[in-house]
Amino acid sequence: MGLISSTRMLEKARSEGYGIVAFNVHSLDMLYAVVEAADELKSPVILQTTVGSVKSLGADNIVTAAEKASNQFNVPVALHLDHCTDYSVLVKCIRAGYTSVMIDASMHPFEENVKRTNEVMAIAKHLDINVEAELGKVGGVEDDIVVSEDEAQKAVPAECVEFIERTDVPTLAPAIGTAHGIYKGDPDIDFDRIHAIAQLVNVPLVLHGGSAIPDEDVKRCISLGMAKMNVSTELKNAYSAAIRDHFIKTPEALDPRQYLSKAKQAAKDLVHSKILLVGCAGKADEIQENERKKSHLVVAN
């Protein structure tokens, strides 16, 4: 089937009360591990890359690998550019074949956020590419974006309504108390704020900072309207820890196939657990059928 936009899969997830996980991958090996794990559970999945990974691996290489993986394993796969502040990088990734992009202008005043989001929407809305924007400021570190606890701000429900009305953005990431990275203590998630925002807007909401959130909190967020959960640090740590453990136990075993296979399995185990947590296992066929119907309508018109 190839890569698809995440818009419709997320709309379906929100309407049916489950979530879809977006995994940040930092190597092509990690990318294949995520898609293979999704296939084993017949789950839709979103691959994400940071701007740093795009610069490291190349947008064209990432798209080629993602397309091949999606065709090989035959599950719905979207490819998303995460937390991008650079318009030129967004355009480069769209041209390369990304099917979803995030314009992160949350560090700017509301009016500037609207302006920058609309600049991206002007391109993406004609190309069936999902656009994600953020309101408020999610704390923590994501690539080279650092937001301290003092700077973190929660999204205002009324502003979420106005923002969507003025940008028509199809997915929104409101800051609700989560943070990027691994939490030092329990996350302070504002469930009442999620509920208030979800009651006012119909677009799928995105849960940033999904690594290591307690399972019961994740399920509650999804039940309130969060349709996409981002997982980055947890996956990266599982993959890297497997390689570290390999060399601790067998320092002379230098064959990359040995330690990379262990890293891949650790990544797959983590992906399995998150897919089962958000309830999207077994949803691949439904989403693929929806995409086929859309394709037939486009051809007919």
C-alpha atoms as a PDB file:
ATOM      1  CA  MET A   1       0.000   0.000   0.000  1.00  0.00           C
ATOM      2  CA  GLY A   2       2.857   2.378   0.653  1.00  0.00           C
ATOM      3  CA  LEU A   3       2.857   5.275   3.074  1.00  0.00           C
ATOM      4  CA  ILE A   4      -0.448   6.946   3.918  1.00  0.00           C
ATOM      5  CA  SER A   5      -1.510  10.148   5.598  1.00  0.00           C
ATOM      6  CA  SER A   6      -2.140   9.788   9.312  1.00  0.00           C
ATOM      7  CA  THR A   7      -5.194  12.060   9.230  1.00  0.00           C
ATOM      8  CA  ARG A   8      -7.852   9.448   8.555  1.00  0.00           C
ATOM      9  CA  MET A   9      -6.314   6.751  10.754  1.00  0.00           C
ATOM     10  CA  LEU A  10      -6.227   9.193  13.675  1.00  0.00           C
ATOM     11  CA  GLU A  11      -9.776  10.390  13.042  1.00  0.00           C
ATOM     12  CA  LYS A  12     -10.939   6.775  13.102  1.00  0.00           C
ATOM     13  CA  ALA A  13      -8.980   6.092  16.277  1.00  0.00           C
ATOM     14  CA  ARG A  14     -10.516   9.044  18.076  1.00  0.00           C
ATOM     15  CA  SER A  15     -14.049   8.208  16.945  1.00  0.00           C
ATOM     16  CA  GLU A  16     -13.668   4.596  18.124  1.00  0.00           C
ATOM     17  CA  GLY A  17     -11.850   5.333  21.377  1.00  0.00           C
ATOM     18  CA  TYR A  18      -8.410   3.847  20.808  1.00  0.00           C
ATOM     19  CA  GLY A  19      -4.974   5.316  20.153  1.00  0.00           C
ATOM     20  CA  ILE A  20      -2.204   4.944  17.587  1.00  0.00           C
ATOM     21  CA  VAL A  21       1.415   5.061  18.658  1.00  0.00           C
ATOM     22  CA  ALA A  22       3.987   7.223  16.902  1.00  0.00           C
ATOM     23  CA  PHE A  23       7.518   5.931  17.458  1.00  0.00           C
ATOM     24  CA  ASN A  24      10.567   8.115  16.966  1.00  0.00           C
ATOM     25  CA  VAL A  25      13.205   6.135  15.073  1.00  0.00           C
ATOM     26  CA  HIS A  26      16.850   7.162  14.847  1.00  0.00           C
ATOM     27  CA  SER A  27      18.187   4.538  12.436  1.00  0.00           C
ATOM     28  CA  LEU A  28      16.843   2.517   9.525  1.00  0.00           C
ATOM     29  CA  ASP A  29      17.244  -0.611  11.639  1.00  0.00           C
ATOM     30  CA  MET A  30      14.934   0.866  14.286  1.00  0.00           C
ATOM     31  CA  LEU A  31      12.465   1.812  11.547  1.00  0.00           C
ATOM     32  CA  TYR A  32      12.193  -1.786  10.362  1.00  0.00           C
ATOM     33  CA  ALA A  33      11.898  -3.064  13.931  1.00  0.00           C
ATOM     34  CA  VAL A  34       8.873  -0.814  14.533  1.00  0.00           C
ATOM     35  CA  VAL A  35       7.037  -1.788  11.334  1.00  0.00           C
ATOM     36  CA  GLU A  36       7.783  -5.489  11.789  1.00  0.00           C
ATOM     37  CA  ALA A  37       6.396  -5.361  15.336  1.00  0.00           C
ATOM     38  CA  ALA A  38       3.290  -3.543  14.098  1.00  0.00           C
ATOM     39  CA  ASP A  39       2.770  -6.236  11.464  1.00  0.00           C
ATOM     40  CA  GLU A  40       2.948  -8.976  14.095  1.00  0.00           C
ATOM     41  CA  LEU A  41       0.028  -7.311  15.886  1.00  0.00           C
ATOM     42  CA  LYS A  42      -1.753  -6.204  12.682  1.00  0.00           C
ATOM     43  CA  SER A  43      -1.628  -2.631  13.887  1.00  0.00           C
ATOM     44  CA  PRO A  44      -1.408   0.723  12.133  1.00  0.00           C
ATOM     45  CA  VAL A  45       1.688   2.654  13.123  1.00  0.00           C
ATOM     46  CA  ILE A  46       3.256   6.071  12.734  1.00  0.00           C
ATOM     47  CA  LEU A  47       6.994   6.376  12.192  1.00  0.00           C
ATOM     48  CA  GLN A  48       8.473   9.641  13.413  1.00  0.00           C
ATOM     49  CA  THR A  49      11.830  11.273  12.854  1.00  0.00           C
ATOM     50  CA  THR A  50      13.280  14.375  14.437  1.00  0.00           C
ATOM     51  CA  VAL A  51      14.970  17.081  12.427  1.00  0.00           C
ATOM     52  CA  GLY A  52      18.285  15.732  13.734  1.00  0.00           C
ATOM     53  CA  SER A  53      17.545  12.272  12.326  1.00  0.00           C
ATOM     54  CA  VAL A  54      16.579  13.798   8.982  1.00  0.00           C
ATOM     55  CA  LYS A  55      19.907  15.605   8.837  1.00  0.00           C
ATOM     56  CA  SER A  56      21.753  12.444   9.865  1.00  0.00           C
ATOM     57  CA  LEU A  57      20.044   9.888   7.623  1.00  0.00           C
ATOM     58  CA  GLY A  58      18.627  12.028   4.803  1.00  0.00           C
ATOM     59  CA  ALA A  59      14.926  12.563   4.110  1.00  0.00           C
ATOM     60  CA  ASP A  60      14.998  10.595   0.848  1.00  0.00           C
ATOM     61  CA  ASN A  61      16.665   7.600   2.511  1.00  0.00           C
ATOM     62  CA  ILE A  62      14.138   7.602   5.346  1.00  0.00           C
ATOM     63  CA  VAL A  63      11.190   7.774   2.952  1.00  0.00           C
ATOM     64  CA  THR A  64      12.574   4.971   0.781  1.00  0.00           C
ATOM     65  CA  ALA A  65      13.092   2.721   3.802  1.00  0.00           C
ATOM     66  CA  ALA A  66       9.657   3.527   5.234  1.00  0.00           C
ATOM     67  CA  GLU A  67       7.933   2.826   1.912  1.00  0.00           C
ATOM     68  CA  LYS A  68       9.730  -0.482   1.481  1.00  0.00           C
ATOM     69  CA  ALA A  69       8.906  -1.519   5.047  1.00  0.00           C
ATOM     70  CA  SER A  70       5.234  -0.607   4.652  1.00  0.00           C
ATOM     71  CA  ASN A  71       4.968  -2.630   1.450  1.00  0.00           C
ATOM     72  CA  GLN A  72       6.900  -5.579   2.828  1.00  0.00           C
ATOM     73  CA  PHE A  73       4.829  -5.920   5.983  1.00  0.00           C
ATOM     74  CA  ASN A  74       1.518  -4.671   4.547  1.00  0.00           C
ATOM     75  CA  VAL A  75       0.297  -2.586   7.480  1.00  0.00           C
ATOM     76  CA  PRO A  76      -0.848   1.052   7.404  1.00  0.00           C
ATOM     77  CA  VAL A  77       2.230   3.213   7.957  1.00  0.00           C
ATOM     78  CA  ALA A  78       2.453   6.995   8.129  1.00  0.00           C
ATOM     79  CA  LEU A  79       5.755   8.887   8.212  1.00  0.00           C
ATOM     80  CA  HIS A  80       5.826  11.978  10.400  1.00  0.00           C
ATOM     81  CA  LEU A  81       8.348  14.774  10.895  1.00  0.00           C
ATOM     82  CA  ASP A  82       8.309  15.588  14.593  1.00  0.00           C
ATOM     83  CA  HIS A  83       8.799  18.986  16.265  1.00  0.00           C
ATOM     84  CA  CYS A  84      10.053  20.970  13.293  1.00  0.00           C
ATOM     85  CA  THR A  85      10.575  24.721  13.575  1.00  0.00           C
ATOM     86  CA  ASP A  86      12.298  25.162  10.207  1.00  0.00           C
ATOM     87  CA  TYR A  87       9.979  25.733   7.240  1.00  0.00           C
ATOM     88  CA  SER A  88      12.662  24.708   4.724  1.00  0.00           C
ATOM     89  CA  VAL A  89      13.112  21.317   6.421  1.00  0.00           C
ATOM     90  CA  LEU A  90       9.351  20.802   6.398  1.00  0.00           C
ATOM     91  CA  VAL A  91       9.212  21.473   2.668  1.00  0.00           C
ATOM     92  CA  LYS A  92      12.176  19.170   2.045  1.00  0.00           C
ATOM     93  CA  CYS A  93      10.482  16.324   3.910  1.00  0.00           C
ATOM     94  CA  ILE A  94       7.160  16.882   2.144  1.00  0.00           C
ATOM     95  CA  ARG A  95       8.917  16.786  -1.224  1.00  0.00           C
ATOM     96  CA  ALA A  96      10.742  13.611  -0.210  1.00  0.00           C
ATOM     97  CA  GLY A  97       7.443  11.856   0.590  1.00  0.00           C
ATOM     98  CA  TYR A  98       6.640  12.362   4.258  1.00  0.00           C
ATOM     99  CA  THR A  99       2.898  11.972   4.845  1.00  0.00           C
ATOM    100  CA  SER A 100       2.686  13.998   8.058  1.00  0.00           C
ATOM    101  CA  VAL A 101       4.597  16.960   9.493  1.00  0.00           C
ATOM    102  CA  MET A 102       4.582  18.914  12.727  1.00  0.00           C
ATOM    103  CA  ILE A 103       5.100  22.639  12.643  1.00  0.00           C
ATOM    104  CA  ASP A 104       6.153  23.515  16.180  1.00  0.00           C
ATOM    105  CA  ALA A 105       5.656  27.244  16.688  1.00  0.00           C
ATOM    106  CA  SER A 106       4.510  26.836  20.285  1.00  0.00           C
ATOM    107  CA  MET A 107       7.422  28.916  21.561  1.00  0.00           C
ATOM    108  CA  HIS A 108       5.960  31.941  19.772  1.00  0.00           C
ATOM    109  CA  PRO A 109       2.943  34.078  20.757  1.00  0.00           C
ATOM    110  CA  PHE A 110      -0.462  32.770  19.697  1.00  0.00           C
ATOM    111  CA  GLU A 111      -0.782  34.977  16.603  1.00  0.00           C
ATOM    112  CA  GLU A 112       2.647  33.971  15.317  1.00  0.00           C
ATOM    113  CA  ASN A 113       1.817  30.294  15.928  1.00  0.00           C
ATOM    114  CA  VAL A 114      -1.323  30.705  13.817  1.00  0.00           C
ATOM    115  CA  LYS A 115       0.652  32.435  11.055  1.00  0.00           C
ATOM    116  CA  ARG A 116       3.381  29.804  10.864  1.00  0.00           C
ATOM    117  CA  THR A 117       0.908  26.938  11.006  1.00  0.00           C
ATOM    118  CA  ASN A 118      -1.106  28.438   8.145  1.00  0.00           C
ATOM    119  CA  GLU A 119       2.055  28.698   6.035  1.00  0.00           C
ATOM    120  CA  VAL A 120       2.458  24.943   6.298  1.00  0.00           C
ATOM    121  CA  MET A 121      -1.249  24.244   5.855  1.00  0.00           C
ATOM    122  CA  ALA A 122      -1.207  26.179   2.598  1.00  0.00           C
ATOM    123  CA  ILE A 123       1.017  23.448   1.149  1.00  0.00           C
ATOM    124  CA  ALA A 124      -0.082  20.324   2.982  1.00  0.00           C
ATOM    125  CA  LYS A 125      -3.856  20.614   2.595  1.00  0.00           C
ATOM    126  CA  HIS A 126      -3.570  20.148  -1.170  1.00  0.00           C
ATOM    127  CA  LEU A 127      -1.349  17.080  -0.859  1.00  0.00           C
ATOM    128  CA  ASP A 128      -3.233  14.854   1.622  1.00  0.00           C
ATOM    129  CA  ILE A 129      -0.496  15.402   4.200  1.00  0.00           C
ATOM    130  CA  ASN A 130      -1.366  15.531   7.869  1.00  0.00           C
ATOM    131  CA  VAL A 131      -0.264  18.587   9.821  1.00  0.00           C
ATOM    132  CA  GLU A 132       0.215  18.650  13.578  1.00  0.00           C
ATOM    133  CA  ALA A 133       0.609  21.805  15.631  1.00  0.00           C
ATOM    134  CA  GLU A 134       1.201  22.437  19.323  1.00  0.00           C
ATOM    135  CA  LEU A 135      -0.453  24.834  21.757  1.00  0.00           C
ATOM    136  CA  GLY A 136       1.101  25.559  25.110  1.00  0.00           C
ATOM    137  CA  LYS A 137       4.621  24.326  25.757  1.00  0.00           C
ATOM    138  CA  VAL A 138       5.488  20.708  26.546  1.00  0.00           C
ATOM    139  CA  GLY A 139       8.446  20.606  28.923  1.00  0.00           C
ATOM    140  CA  GLY A 140      11.634  18.595  28.539  1.00  0.00           C
ATOM    141  CA  VAL A 141      14.080  18.015  25.692  1.00  0.00           C
ATOM    142  CA  GLU A 142      13.160  16.953  22.161  1.00  0.00           C
ATOM    143  CA  ASP A 143      16.106  16.961  19.761  1.00  0.00           C
ATOM    144  CA  ASP A 144      17.480  20.511  20.086  1.00  0.00           C
ATOM    145  CA  ILE A 145      14.279  22.015  21.551  1.00  0.00           C
ATOM    146  CA  VAL A 146      14.606  22.518  25.308  1.00  0.00           C
ATOM    147  CA  VAL A 147      11.699  23.723  27.479  1.00  0.00           C
ATOM    148  CA  SER A 148      12.352  24.087  31.202  1.00  0.00           C
ATOM    149  CA  GLU A 149       9.750  23.359  33.877  1.00  0.00           C
ATOM    150  CA  ASP A 150       9.354  27.107  34.438  1.00  0.00           C
ATOM    151  CA  GLU A 151       8.710  27.719  30.733  1.00  0.00           C
ATOM    152  CA  ALA A 152       6.244  24.855  30.277  1.00  0.00           C
ATOM    153  CA  GLN A 153       2.679  26.094  29.831  1.00  0.00           C
ATOM    154  CA  LYS A 154      -0.579  24.203  29.538  1.00  0.00           C
ATOM    155  CA  ALA A 155      -2.892  24.785  26.597  1.00  0.00           C
ATOM    156  CA  VAL A 156      -5.971  26.975  27.079  1.00  0.00           C
ATOM    157  CA  PRO A 157      -9.147  25.206  25.843  1.00  0.00           C
ATOM    158  CA  ALA A 158     -10.671  28.341  24.305  1.00  0.00           C
ATOM    159  CA  GLU A 159      -7.455  29.040  22.421  1.00  0.00           C
ATOM    160  CA  CYS A 160      -7.507  25.482  21.057  1.00  0.00           C
ATOM    161  CA  VAL A 161     -10.908  26.184  19.521  1.00  0.00           C
ATOM    162  CA  GLU A 162      -9.787  29.471  17.987  1.00  0.00           C
ATOM    163  CA  PHE A 163      -6.549  27.957  16.732  1.00  0.00           C
ATOM    164  CA  ILE A 164      -8.313  25.149  14.866  1.00  0.00           C
ATOM    165  CA  GLU A 165     -10.919  27.527  13.446  1.00  0.00           C
ATOM    166  CA  ARG A 166      -8.202  29.815  12.079  1.00  0.00           C
ATOM    167  CA  THR A 167      -5.815  27.145  10.777  1.00  0.00           C
ATOM    168  CA  ASP A 168      -8.012  24.117  10.037  1.00  0.00           C
ATOM    169  CA  VAL A 169      -5.119  21.999  11.325  1.00  0.00           C
ATOM    170  CA  PRO A 170      -6.204  18.316  11.390  1.00  0.00           C
ATOM    171  CA  THR A 171      -4.319  17.242  14.534  1.00  0.00           C
ATOM    172  CA  LEU A 172      -3.469  19.202  17.665  1.00  0.00           C
ATOM    173  CA  ALA A 173      -0.955  18.576  20.430  1.00  0.00           C
ATOM    174  CA  PRO A 174      -2.124  20.534  23.485  1.00  0.00           C
ATOM    175  CA  ALA A 175       0.286  20.787  26.412  1.00  0.00           C
ATOM    176  CA  ILE A 176      -1.456  19.075  29.330  1.00  0.00           C
ATOM    177  CA  GLY A 177       1.322  18.426  31.825  1.00  0.00           C
ATOM    178  CA  THR A 178       3.405  15.728  30.148  1.00  0.00           C
ATOM    179  CA  ALA A 179       7.091  16.191  29.308  1.00  0.00           C
ATOM    180  CA  HIS A 180       9.596  14.860  26.807  1.00  0.00           C
ATOM    181  CA  GLY A 181      12.057  12.310  28.156  1.00  0.00           C
ATOM    182  CA  ILE A 182      11.798   9.946  31.121  1.00  0.00           C
ATOM    183  CA  TYR A 183       9.966  11.313  34.144  1.00  0.00           C
ATOM    184  CA  LYS A 184      11.810  11.746  37.435  1.00  0.00           C
ATOM    185  CA  GLY A 185       8.509  11.349  39.270  1.00  0.00           C
ATOM    186  CA  ASP A 186       4.896  10.754  38.276  1.00  0.00           C
ATOM    187  CA  PRO A 187       3.756  13.051  35.443  1.00  0.00           C
ATOM    188  CA  ASP A 188       1.303  15.770  36.444  1.00  0.00           C
ATOM    189  CA  ILE A 189      -1.299  15.187  33.746  1.00  0.00           C
ATOM    190  CA  ASP A 190      -4.244  17.576  33.711  1.00  0.00           C
ATOM    191  CA  PHE A 191      -7.060  15.187  32.800  1.00  0.00           C
ATOM    192  CA  ASP A 192      -9.724  17.839  33.305  1.00  0.00           C
ATOM    193  CA  ARG A 193      -7.974  20.006  30.730  1.00  0.00           C
ATOM    194  CA  ILE A 194      -7.875  17.145  28.215  1.00  0.00           C
ATOM    195  CA  HIS A 195     -11.593  16.573  28.764  1.00  0.00           C
ATOM    196  CA  ALA A 196     -12.372  20.278  28.333  1.00  0.00           C
ATOM    197  CA  ILE A 197     -10.377  20.537  25.097  1.00  0.00           C
ATOM    198  CA  ALA A 198     -11.828  17.315  23.682  1.00  0.00           C
ATOM    199  CA  GLN A 199     -15.357  18.538  24.361  1.00  0.00           C
ATOM    200  CA  LEU A 200     -14.700  21.685  22.357  1.00  0.00           C
ATOM    201  CA  VAL A 201     -12.767  20.360  19.341  1.00  0.00           C
ATOM    202  CA  ASN A 202     -13.316  17.361  17.092  1.00  0.00           C
ATOM    203  CA  VAL A 203      -9.809  16.863  15.715  1.00  0.00           C
ATOM    204  CA  PRO A 204      -7.631  14.033  17.060  1.00  0.00           C
ATOM    205  CA  LEU A 205      -5.464  15.152  19.978  1.00  0.00           C
ATOM    206  CA  VAL A 206      -1.821  14.165  20.383  1.00  0.00           C
ATOM    207  CA  LEU A 207      -0.171  13.072  23.620  1.00  0.00           C
ATOM    208  CA  HIS A 208       3.429  14.222  23.615  1.00  0.00           C
ATOM    209  CA  GLY A 209       5.922  12.876  26.138  1.00  0.00           C
ATOM    210  CA  GLY A 210       4.399   9.390  26.092  1.00  0.00           C
ATOM    211  CA  SER A 211       7.522   7.573  27.307  1.00  0.00           C
ATOM    212  CA  ALA A 212       7.073   5.958  30.731  1.00  0.00           C
ATOM    213  CA  ILE A 213       3.646   7.425  31.493  1.00  0.00           C
ATOM    214  CA  PRO A 214       1.859   4.927  33.796  1.00  0.00           C
ATOM    215  CA  ASP A 215      -0.396   2.599  31.823  1.00  0.00           C
ATOM    216  CA  GLU A 216      -3.567   3.660  33.627  1.00  0.00           C
ATOM    217  CA  ASP A 217      -2.833   7.312  32.796  1.00  0.00           C
ATOM    218  CA  VAL A 218      -2.285   6.505  29.123  1.00  0.00           C
ATOM    219  CA  LYS A 219      -5.593   4.668  28.932  1.00  0.00           C
ATOM    220  CA  ARG A 220      -7.380   7.557  30.594  1.00  0.00           C
ATOM    221  CA  CYS A 221      -5.845  10.064  28.175  1.00  0.00           C
ATOM    222  CA  ILE A 222      -7.020   7.980  25.221  1.00  0.00           C
ATOM    223  CA  SER A 223     -10.507   7.602  26.645  1.00  0.00           C
ATOM    224  CA  LEU A 224     -10.701  11.403  26.863  1.00  0.00           C
ATOM    225  CA  GLY A 225      -9.762  12.015  23.214  1.00  0.00           C
ATOM    226  CA  MET A 226      -6.020  11.561  22.757  1.00  0.00           C
ATOM    227  CA  ALA A 227      -5.725   9.565  19.517  1.00  0.00           C
ATOM    228  CA  LYS A 228      -1.953   9.672  18.980  1.00  0.00           C
ATOM    229  CA  MET A 229       0.724   8.927  21.562  1.00  0.00           C
ATOM    230  CA  ASN A 230       4.356   9.785  20.901  1.00  0.00           C
ATOM    231  CA  VAL A 231       7.052   7.443  22.203  1.00  0.00           C
ATOM    232  CA  SER A 232      10.683   8.381  21.716  1.00  0.00           C
ATOM    233  CA  THR A 233      12.999   8.112  24.720  1.00  0.00           C
ATOM    234  CA  GLU A 234      11.667   4.760  25.894  1.00  0.00           C
ATOM    235  CA  LEU A 235      12.266   3.155  22.501  1.00  0.00           C
ATOM    236  CA  LYS A 236      15.712   4.700  22.107  1.00  0.00           C
ATOM    237  CA  ASN A 237      16.710   3.576  25.595  1.00  0.00           C
ATOM    238  CA  ALA A 238      15.506  -0.005  25.075  1.00  0.00           C
ATOM    239  CA  TYR A 239      17.392  -0.284  21.788  1.00  0.00           C
ATOM    240  CA  SER A 240      20.597   1.205  23.179  1.00  0.00           C
ATOM    241  CA  ALA A 241      20.480  -0.707  26.462  1.00  0.00           C
ATOM    242  CA  ALA A 242      20.395  -4.017  24.563  1.00  0.00           C
ATOM    243  CA  ILE A 243      23.618  -3.097  22.769  1.00  0.00           C
ATOM    244  CA  ARG A 244      25.239  -1.948  26.007  1.00  0.00           C
ATOM    245  CA  ASP A 245      24.248  -5.168  27.762  1.00  0.00           C
ATOM    246  CA  HIS A 246      25.642  -7.225  24.897  1.00  0.00           C
ATOM    247  CA  PHE A 247      29.093  -5.708  25.320  1.00  0.00           C
ATOM    248  CA  ILE A 248      28.987  -5.921  29.108  1.00  0.00           C
ATOM    249  CA  LYS A 249      28.278  -9.647  28.915  1.00  0.00           C
ATOM    250  CA  THR A 250      30.294 -10.495  25.785  1.00  0.00           C
ATOM    251  CA  PRO A 251      32.854  -7.716  25.164  1.00  0.00           C
ATOM    252  CA  GLU A 252      34.704  -9.744  22.534  1.00  0.00           C
ATOM    253  CA  ALA A 253      31.596 -10.451  20.430  1.00  0.00           C
ATOM    254  CA  LEU A 254      32.022  -7.717  17.829  1.00  0.00           C
ATOM    255  CA  ASP A 255      29.770  -9.039  15.053  1.00  0.00           C
ATOM    256  CA  PRO A 256      27.187  -6.270  14.452  1.00  0.00           C
ATOM    257  CA  ARG A 257      24.583  -8.864  13.511  1.00  0.00           C
ATOM    258  CA  GLN A 258      24.691 -10.211  17.037  1.00  0.00           C
ATOM    259  CA  TYR A 259      24.213  -6.989  18.962  1.00  0.00           C
ATOM    260  CA  LEU A 260      21.903  -5.350  16.438  1.00  0.00           C
ATOM    261  CA  SER A 261      19.589  -8.365  16.477  1.00  0.00           C
ATOM    262  CA  LYS A 262      19.334  -8.014  20.258  1.00  0.00           C
ATOM    263  CA  ALA A 263      18.649  -4.286  19.932  1.00  0.00           C
ATOM    264  CA  LYS A 264      15.984  -4.953  17.316  1.00  0.00           C
ATOM    265  CA  GLN A 265      14.236  -7.487  19.538  1.00  0.00           C
ATOM    266  CA  ALA A 266      14.307  -5.103  22.500  1.00  0.00           C
ATOM    267  CA  ALA A 267      12.777  -2.411  20.315  1.00  0.00           C
ATOM    268  CA  LYS A 268      10.106  -4.792  19.050  1.00  0.00           C
ATOM    269  CA  ASP A 269       9.200  -5.834  22.581  1.00  0.00           C
ATOM    270  CA  LEU A 270       8.716  -2.191  23.545  1.00  0.00           C
ATOM    271  CA  VAL A 271       6.635  -1.506  20.419  1.00  0.00           C
ATOM    272  CA  HIS A 272       4.431  -4.535  21.153  1.00  0.00           C
ATOM    273  CA  SER A 273       3.725  -3.315  24.683  1.00  0.00           C
ATOM    274  CA  LYS A 274       2.753   0.198  23.579  1.00  0.00           C
ATOM    275  CA  ILE A 275       0.508  -0.982  20.740  1.00  0.00           C
ATOM    276  CA  LEU A 276      -1.340  -3.318  23.091  1.00  0.00           C
ATOM    277  CA  LEU A 277      -1.611  -0.527  25.659  1.00  0.00           C
ATOM    278  CA  VAL A 278      -3.380   1.959  23.367  1.00  0.00           C
ATOM    279  CA  GLY A 279      -5.708  -0.623  21.800  1.00  0.00           C
ATOM    280  CA  CYS A 280      -4.769  -0.403  18.107  1.00  0.00           C
ATOM    281  CA  ALA A 281      -3.737  -4.058  17.695  1.00  0.00           C
ATOM    282  CA  GLY A 282      -5.871  -5.713  15.007  1.00  0.00           C
ATOM    283  CA  LYS A 283      -6.979  -2.398  13.452  1.00  0.00           C
ATOM    284  CA  ALA A 284      -4.778  -2.571  10.348  1.00  0.00           C
ATOM    285  CA  ASP A 285      -7.306  -4.217   8.018  1.00  0.00           C
ATOM    286  CA  GLU A 286     -10.036  -1.662   8.787  1.00  0.00           C
ATOM    287  CA  ILE A 287      -7.749   1.257   8.034  1.00  0.00           C
ATOM    288  CA  GLN A 288      -6.409  -0.340   4.865  1.00  0.00           C
ATOM    289  CA  GLU A 289      -9.957  -0.909   3.627  1.00  0.00           C
ATOM    290  CA  ASN A 290     -10.793   2.745   4.276  1.00  0.00           C
ATOM    291  CA  GLU A 291      -7.741   3.796   2.266  1.00  0.00           C
ATOM    292  CA  ARG A 292      -8.711   1.518  -0.624  1.00  0.00           C
ATOM    293  CA  LYS A 293     -12.201   3.047  -0.707  1.00  0.00           C
ATOM    294  CA  LYS A 294     -10.681   6.528  -0.764  1.00  0.00           C
ATOM    295  CA  SER A 295      -8.382   5.554  -3.628  1.00  0.00           C
ATOM    296  CA  HIS A 296     -11.306   4.195  -5.643  1.00  0.00           C
ATOM    297  CA  LEU A 297     -13.252   7.418  -5.100  1.00  0.00           C
ATOM    298  CA  VAL A 298     -10.332   9.503  -6.284  1.00  0.00           C
ATOM    299  CA  VAL A 299      -9.935   7.371  -9.430  1.00  0.00           C
ATOM    300  CA  ALA A 300     -13.687   7.510 -10.102  1.00  0.00           C
ATOM    301  CA  ASN A 301     -13.705  11.297  -9.888  1.00  0.00           C
END
